[in-house]
Amino acid sequence: MPVEKALRLLRECGALMSGHFLLSSGLHSPEYFQCARLLELPRVGEQIAEAMAEAVRVWGAHTVLSPALGGILIGYELARQLGVRNIFAERPEGRFELRRGFRLEEGERVLIAENVITTGGSVLEVAELARAAGADVVGYAVIVDRSGGRFAPPEPVAAYLRTEAITWPPHECPLCAKGEPVVKPGSRK
């Protein structure tokens, strides 16, 4: 997907926000990708997942596994496009786990799907969960990879949009220094 076209879609849907945000990584940023706004319109979610499915189909996934909460919708639509099973991991007590009767089998080929990656911490944790169950992680599919290339696992990564995030540790944040209030829009507690 050409960057300008993807950014235009994000802006039109209200998914690219400006302000002072606390990301789930703990970093601060002047921008936030609220991909739930993209996915509130099923035709837009379908369009994005279709483009992502074309990129990852050759990886031969049996199952799409997403971290809750942000990855659930794109994971479902991506699995639908690929014609494979969809499950998600939850973090009830600080670490991701499979619940609701979800299981992975030895040798099962798993695609990890997420809405936004900045550091990749959540998807790497979910990938470790899959590996601990004996599954093989075939790659990662993400709507927005804002790592600027720093998220570089050994498996392939497909992104609808790749960009570099402007982020700061809280103690270096110029927006904090100006006294601007910080907003925590993500799902992690």
C-alpha atoms as a PDB file:
ATOM      1  CA  MET A   1       0.000   0.000   0.000  1.00  0.00           C
ATOM      2  CA  PRO A   2       1.441   3.391  -0.944  1.00  0.00           C
ATOM      3  CA  VAL A   3       2.129   5.403   2.226  1.00  0.00           C
ATOM      4  CA  GLU A   4       0.158   8.501   1.187  1.00  0.00           C
ATOM      5  CA  LYS A   5      -2.907   6.453   0.259  1.00  0.00           C
ATOM      6  CA  ALA A   6      -2.791   4.573   3.576  1.00  0.00           C
ATOM      7  CA  LEU A   7      -2.312   7.800   5.570  1.00  0.00           C
ATOM      8  CA  ARG A   8      -5.216   9.430   3.721  1.00  0.00           C
ATOM      9  CA  LEU A   9      -7.487   6.510   4.634  1.00  0.00           C
ATOM     10  CA  LEU A  10      -6.355   6.680   8.276  1.00  0.00           C
ATOM     11  CA  ARG A  11      -7.070  10.421   8.426  1.00  0.00           C
ATOM     12  CA  GLU A  12     -10.442  10.114   6.661  1.00  0.00           C
ATOM     13  CA  CYS A  13     -11.562   7.479   9.170  1.00  0.00           C
ATOM     14  CA  GLY A  14     -10.310   9.483  12.168  1.00  0.00           C
ATOM     15  CA  ALA A  15      -7.751   6.799  12.968  1.00  0.00           C
ATOM     16  CA  LEU A  16      -4.688   9.096  12.989  1.00  0.00           C
ATOM     17  CA  MET A  17      -4.904  11.379  16.019  1.00  0.00           C
ATOM     18  CA  SER A  18      -2.676  14.255  17.161  1.00  0.00           C
ATOM     19  CA  GLY A  19      -2.021  15.243  20.780  1.00  0.00           C
ATOM     20  CA  HIS A  20       0.026  13.860  23.697  1.00  0.00           C
ATOM     21  CA  PHE A  21      -0.372  10.119  24.139  1.00  0.00           C
ATOM     22  CA  LEU A  22       0.926   7.414  26.470  1.00  0.00           C
ATOM     23  CA  LEU A  23       1.454   4.311  24.330  1.00  0.00           C
ATOM     24  CA  SER A  24       1.099   0.753  25.632  1.00  0.00           C
ATOM     25  CA  SER A  25       4.906   0.517  25.338  1.00  0.00           C
ATOM     26  CA  GLY A  26       5.190   3.203  28.044  1.00  0.00           C
ATOM     27  CA  LEU A  27       6.583   5.738  25.574  1.00  0.00           C
ATOM     28  CA  HIS A  28       4.994   9.120  24.855  1.00  0.00           C
ATOM     29  CA  SER A  29       4.067  10.272  21.339  1.00  0.00           C
ATOM     30  CA  PRO A  30       2.455  13.283  19.621  1.00  0.00           C
ATOM     31  CA  GLU A  31       0.424  10.931  17.411  1.00  0.00           C
ATOM     32  CA  TYR A  32      -1.749   7.898  17.962  1.00  0.00           C
ATOM     33  CA  PHE A  33      -3.151   5.366  15.525  1.00  0.00           C
ATOM     34  CA  GLN A  34      -6.647   4.407  16.713  1.00  0.00           C
ATOM     35  CA  CYS A  35      -7.180   1.526  14.288  1.00  0.00           C
ATOM     36  CA  ALA A  36     -10.545   0.731  15.861  1.00  0.00           C
ATOM     37  CA  ARG A  37     -11.792   3.744  13.888  1.00  0.00           C
ATOM     38  CA  LEU A  38     -10.729   2.013  10.650  1.00  0.00           C
ATOM     39  CA  LEU A  39     -12.476  -1.174  11.634  1.00  0.00           C
ATOM     40  CA  GLU A  40     -15.781   0.399  12.684  1.00  0.00           C
ATOM     41  CA  LEU A  41     -16.658   0.405   8.982  1.00  0.00           C
ATOM     42  CA  PRO A  42     -16.676  -3.260   7.888  1.00  0.00           C
ATOM     43  CA  ARG A  43     -15.972  -2.404   4.230  1.00  0.00           C
ATOM     44  CA  VAL A  44     -12.782  -0.560   5.276  1.00  0.00           C
ATOM     45  CA  GLY A  45     -11.668  -3.441   7.503  1.00  0.00           C
ATOM     46  CA  GLU A  46     -12.371  -5.850   4.667  1.00  0.00           C
ATOM     47  CA  GLN A  47     -10.331  -3.719   2.233  1.00  0.00           C
ATOM     48  CA  ILE A  48      -7.351  -3.529   4.606  1.00  0.00           C
ATOM     49  CA  ALA A  49      -7.470  -7.246   5.472  1.00  0.00           C
ATOM     50  CA  GLU A  50      -7.746  -8.158   1.797  1.00  0.00           C
ATOM     51  CA  ALA A  51      -4.527  -6.262   1.030  1.00  0.00           C
ATOM     52  CA  MET A  52      -2.791  -7.867   4.013  1.00  0.00           C
ATOM     53  CA  ALA A  53      -4.084 -11.354   3.112  1.00  0.00           C
ATOM     54  CA  GLU A  54      -2.579 -11.060  -0.359  1.00  0.00           C
ATOM     55  CA  ALA A  55       0.809 -10.398   1.234  1.00  0.00           C
ATOM     56  CA  VAL A  56       0.682 -13.270   3.757  1.00  0.00           C
ATOM     57  CA  ARG A  57      -1.269 -16.023   1.983  1.00  0.00           C
ATOM     58  CA  VAL A  58       1.945 -17.716   0.773  1.00  0.00           C
ATOM     59  CA  TRP A  59       3.092 -18.170   4.385  1.00  0.00           C
ATOM     60  CA  GLY A  60       0.571 -21.007   4.751  1.00  0.00           C
ATOM     61  CA  ALA A  61      -0.913 -20.140   8.152  1.00  0.00           C
ATOM     62  CA  HIS A  62      -3.420 -22.545   9.698  1.00  0.00           C
ATOM     63  CA  THR A  63      -4.491 -20.076  12.383  1.00  0.00           C
ATOM     64  CA  VAL A  64      -4.458 -16.326  13.002  1.00  0.00           C
ATOM     65  CA  LEU A  65      -3.608 -15.448  16.615  1.00  0.00           C
ATOM     66  CA  SER A  66      -4.064 -11.884  17.870  1.00  0.00           C
ATOM     67  CA  PRO A  67      -3.357 -10.094  21.133  1.00  0.00           C
ATOM     68  CA  ALA A  68      -6.507  -8.714  22.765  1.00  0.00           C
ATOM     69  CA  LEU A  69      -7.842  -6.160  22.519  1.00  0.00           C
ATOM     70  CA  GLY A  70      -6.526  -4.264  19.523  1.00  0.00           C
ATOM     71  CA  GLY A  71      -5.731  -7.215  17.287  1.00  0.00           C
ATOM     72  CA  ILE A  72      -9.028  -9.071  17.592  1.00  0.00           C
ATOM     73  CA  LEU A  73     -10.978  -7.373  14.791  1.00  0.00           C
ATOM     74  CA  ILE A  74      -8.207  -7.341  12.193  1.00  0.00           C
ATOM     75  CA  GLY A  75      -7.283 -10.898  13.202  1.00  0.00           C
ATOM     76  CA  TYR A  76     -10.845 -12.061  12.599  1.00  0.00           C
ATOM     77  CA  GLU A  77     -11.146 -10.353   9.211  1.00  0.00           C
ATOM     78  CA  LEU A  78      -7.703 -11.535   8.128  1.00  0.00           C
ATOM     79  CA  ALA A  79      -8.572 -15.129   9.103  1.00  0.00           C
ATOM     80  CA  ARG A  80     -11.845 -14.815   7.176  1.00  0.00           C
ATOM     81  CA  GLN A  81      -9.967 -13.612   4.094  1.00  0.00           C
ATOM     82  CA  LEU A  82      -7.480 -16.485   4.409  1.00  0.00           C
ATOM     83  CA  GLY A  83     -10.119 -19.112   5.208  1.00  0.00           C
ATOM     84  CA  VAL A  84      -8.380 -20.196   8.421  1.00  0.00           C
ATOM     85  CA  ARG A  85      -9.137 -20.375  12.141  1.00  0.00           C
ATOM     86  CA  ASN A  86      -9.010 -17.223  14.294  1.00  0.00           C
ATOM     87  CA  ILE A  87      -8.159 -17.086  18.014  1.00  0.00           C
ATOM     88  CA  PHE A  88      -6.897 -14.448  20.412  1.00  0.00           C
ATOM     89  CA  ALA A  89      -4.779 -14.221  23.548  1.00  0.00           C
ATOM     90  CA  GLU A  90      -5.789 -12.225  26.605  1.00  0.00           C
ATOM     91  CA  ARG A  91      -3.791 -10.611  29.372  1.00  0.00           C
ATOM     92  CA  PRO A  92      -5.887 -11.044  32.542  1.00  0.00           C
ATOM     93  CA  GLU A  93      -2.973 -10.976  34.993  1.00  0.00           C
ATOM     94  CA  GLY A  94      -0.103  -9.203  33.242  1.00  0.00           C
ATOM     95  CA  ARG A  95       0.936 -11.979  30.794  1.00  0.00           C
ATOM     96  CA  PHE A  96      -0.818 -13.158  27.651  1.00  0.00           C
ATOM     97  CA  GLU A  97      -2.551 -16.527  27.784  1.00  0.00           C
ATOM     98  CA  LEU A  98      -4.983 -18.543  25.721  1.00  0.00           C
ATOM     99  CA  ARG A  99      -8.412 -18.696  27.348  1.00  0.00           C
ATOM    100  CA  ARG A 100     -12.007 -19.519  26.322  1.00  0.00           C
ATOM    101  CA  GLY A 101     -10.961 -23.022  25.306  1.00  0.00           C
ATOM    102  CA  PHE A 102      -8.521 -21.817  22.618  1.00  0.00           C
ATOM    103  CA  ARG A 103      -5.591 -24.168  22.024  1.00  0.00           C
ATOM    104  CA  LEU A 104      -2.691 -24.499  19.640  1.00  0.00           C
ATOM    105  CA  GLU A 105      -1.334 -27.828  18.452  1.00  0.00           C
ATOM    106  CA  GLU A 106       2.224 -28.998  17.948  1.00  0.00           C
ATOM    107  CA  GLY A 107       3.384 -27.834  14.499  1.00  0.00           C
ATOM    108  CA  GLU A 108       0.353 -25.591  13.888  1.00  0.00           C
ATOM    109  CA  ARG A 109       1.336 -22.718  11.580  1.00  0.00           C
ATOM    110  CA  VAL A 110       0.369 -19.449  13.268  1.00  0.00           C
ATOM    111  CA  LEU A 111       0.165 -15.930  11.848  1.00  0.00           C
ATOM    112  CA  ILE A 112       0.254 -13.208  14.512  1.00  0.00           C
ATOM    113  CA  ALA A 113      -2.062 -10.270  13.669  1.00  0.00           C
ATOM    114  CA  GLU A 114      -2.116  -6.860  15.365  1.00  0.00           C
ATOM    115  CA  ASN A 115      -3.471  -3.404  14.714  1.00  0.00           C
ATOM    116  CA  VAL A 116      -0.404  -1.282  15.607  1.00  0.00           C
ATOM    117  CA  ILE A 117       3.211  -2.113  16.435  1.00  0.00           C
ATOM    118  CA  THR A 118       5.581   0.423  17.982  1.00  0.00           C
ATOM    119  CA  THR A 119       8.092  -1.761  19.831  1.00  0.00           C
ATOM    120  CA  GLY A 120       6.465  -5.105  19.018  1.00  0.00           C
ATOM    121  CA  GLY A 121       6.369  -6.183  22.657  1.00  0.00           C
ATOM    122  CA  SER A 122       2.803  -7.520  22.600  1.00  0.00           C
ATOM    123  CA  VAL A 123       3.159  -9.546  19.401  1.00  0.00           C
ATOM    124  CA  LEU A 124       6.499 -10.976  20.503  1.00  0.00           C
ATOM    125  CA  GLU A 125       4.904 -12.063  23.784  1.00  0.00           C
ATOM    126  CA  VAL A 126       2.026 -13.691  21.880  1.00  0.00           C
ATOM    127  CA  ALA A 127       4.525 -15.375  19.542  1.00  0.00           C
ATOM    128  CA  GLU A 128       6.336 -16.851  22.561  1.00  0.00           C
ATOM    129  CA  LEU A 129       2.995 -18.120  23.858  1.00  0.00           C
ATOM    130  CA  ALA A 130       2.417 -19.860  20.503  1.00  0.00           C
ATOM    131  CA  ARG A 131       5.908 -21.358  20.480  1.00  0.00           C
ATOM    132  CA  ALA A 132       5.497 -22.602  24.065  1.00  0.00           C
ATOM    133  CA  ALA A 133       2.431 -24.529  22.836  1.00  0.00           C
ATOM    134  CA  GLY A 134       4.564 -26.125  20.104  1.00  0.00           C
ATOM    135  CA  ALA A 135       3.182 -24.007  17.252  1.00  0.00           C
ATOM    136  CA  ASP A 136       5.306 -22.495  14.485  1.00  0.00           C
ATOM    137  CA  VAL A 137       5.063 -18.719  14.010  1.00  0.00           C
ATOM    138  CA  VAL A 138       5.069 -18.061  10.247  1.00  0.00           C
ATOM    139  CA  GLY A 139       5.011 -14.257  10.439  1.00  0.00           C
ATOM    140  CA  TYR A 140       3.290 -11.089  11.565  1.00  0.00           C
ATOM    141  CA  ALA A 141       0.547  -9.065   9.873  1.00  0.00           C
ATOM    142  CA  VAL A 142      -0.120  -5.567  11.177  1.00  0.00           C
ATOM    143  CA  ILE A 143      -2.189  -2.620  10.039  1.00  0.00           C
ATOM    144  CA  VAL A 144       0.386  -0.011  11.132  1.00  0.00           C
ATOM    145  CA  ASP A 145       4.052  -0.780  11.796  1.00  0.00           C
ATOM    146  CA  ARG A 146       5.280   2.443  13.351  1.00  0.00           C
ATOM    147  CA  SER A 147       8.606   0.967  14.490  1.00  0.00           C
ATOM    148  CA  GLY A 148      10.612   2.570  11.691  1.00  0.00           C
ATOM    149  CA  GLY A 149      12.205  -0.805  10.960  1.00  0.00           C
ATOM    150  CA  ARG A 150      13.212  -1.487  14.570  1.00  0.00           C
ATOM    151  CA  PHE A 151      10.684  -4.315  14.826  1.00  0.00           C
ATOM    152  CA  ALA A 152      12.674  -6.965  12.977  1.00  0.00           C
ATOM    153  CA  PRO A 153      11.893 -10.502  14.169  1.00  0.00           C
ATOM    154  CA  PRO A 154      13.334 -13.453  12.231  1.00  0.00           C
ATOM    155  CA  GLU A 155       9.891 -14.154  10.710  1.00  0.00           C
ATOM    156  CA  PRO A 156       8.465 -11.910   7.957  1.00  0.00           C
ATOM    157  CA  VAL A 157       6.316  -8.862   8.764  1.00  0.00           C
ATOM    158  CA  ALA A 158       3.545  -7.596   6.465  1.00  0.00           C
ATOM    159  CA  ALA A 159       2.156  -4.123   7.162  1.00  0.00           C
ATOM    160  CA  TYR A 160      -0.619  -2.111   5.553  1.00  0.00           C
ATOM    161  CA  LEU A 161       1.361   1.016   6.501  1.00  0.00           C
ATOM    162  CA  ARG A 162       4.988   1.344   7.599  1.00  0.00           C
ATOM    163  CA  THR A 163       6.039   4.564   9.267  1.00  0.00           C
ATOM    164  CA  GLU A 164       8.375   5.791  11.986  1.00  0.00           C
ATOM    165  CA  ALA A 165       6.849   6.877  15.248  1.00  0.00           C
ATOM    166  CA  ILE A 166       7.950   9.955  17.083  1.00  0.00           C
ATOM    167  CA  THR A 167       8.308   8.677  20.642  1.00  0.00           C
ATOM    168  CA  TRP A 168      10.068   9.657  23.842  1.00  0.00           C
ATOM    169  CA  PRO A 169      10.602   8.072  27.229  1.00  0.00           C
ATOM    170  CA  PRO A 170       8.416   9.991  29.716  1.00  0.00           C
ATOM    171  CA  HIS A 171      11.427  11.740  31.306  1.00  0.00           C
ATOM    172  CA  GLU A 172      12.512  13.090  27.868  1.00  0.00           C
ATOM    173  CA  CYS A 173       9.047  14.044  26.581  1.00  0.00           C
ATOM    174  CA  PRO A 174       8.898  17.699  25.443  1.00  0.00           C
ATOM    175  CA  LEU A 175       5.099  17.660  25.739  1.00  0.00           C
ATOM    176  CA  CYS A 176       5.389  16.716  29.421  1.00  0.00           C
ATOM    177  CA  ALA A 177       7.963  19.506  29.851  1.00  0.00           C
ATOM    178  CA  LYS A 178       5.363  21.947  28.467  1.00  0.00           C
ATOM    179  CA  GLY A 179       2.818  20.625  30.954  1.00  0.00           C
ATOM    180  CA  GLU A 180       0.501  19.213  28.291  1.00  0.00           C
ATOM    181  CA  PRO A 181      -1.786  16.535  29.752  1.00  0.00           C
ATOM    182  CA  VAL A 182      -1.149  13.001  28.549  1.00  0.00           C
ATOM    183  CA  VAL A 183      -3.939  10.766  27.235  1.00  0.00           C
ATOM    184  CA  LYS A 184      -3.789   6.960  27.463  1.00  0.00           C
ATOM    185  CA  PRO A 185      -6.049   5.740  24.642  1.00  0.00           C
ATOM    186  CA  GLY A 186      -4.859   2.125  24.416  1.00  0.00           C
ATOM    187  CA  SER A 187      -6.302  -0.999  26.001  1.00  0.00           C
ATOM    188  CA  ARG A 188      -3.406  -2.037  28.264  1.00  0.00           C
ATOM    189  CA  LYS A 189      -3.851  -1.210  31.957  1.00  0.00           C
END
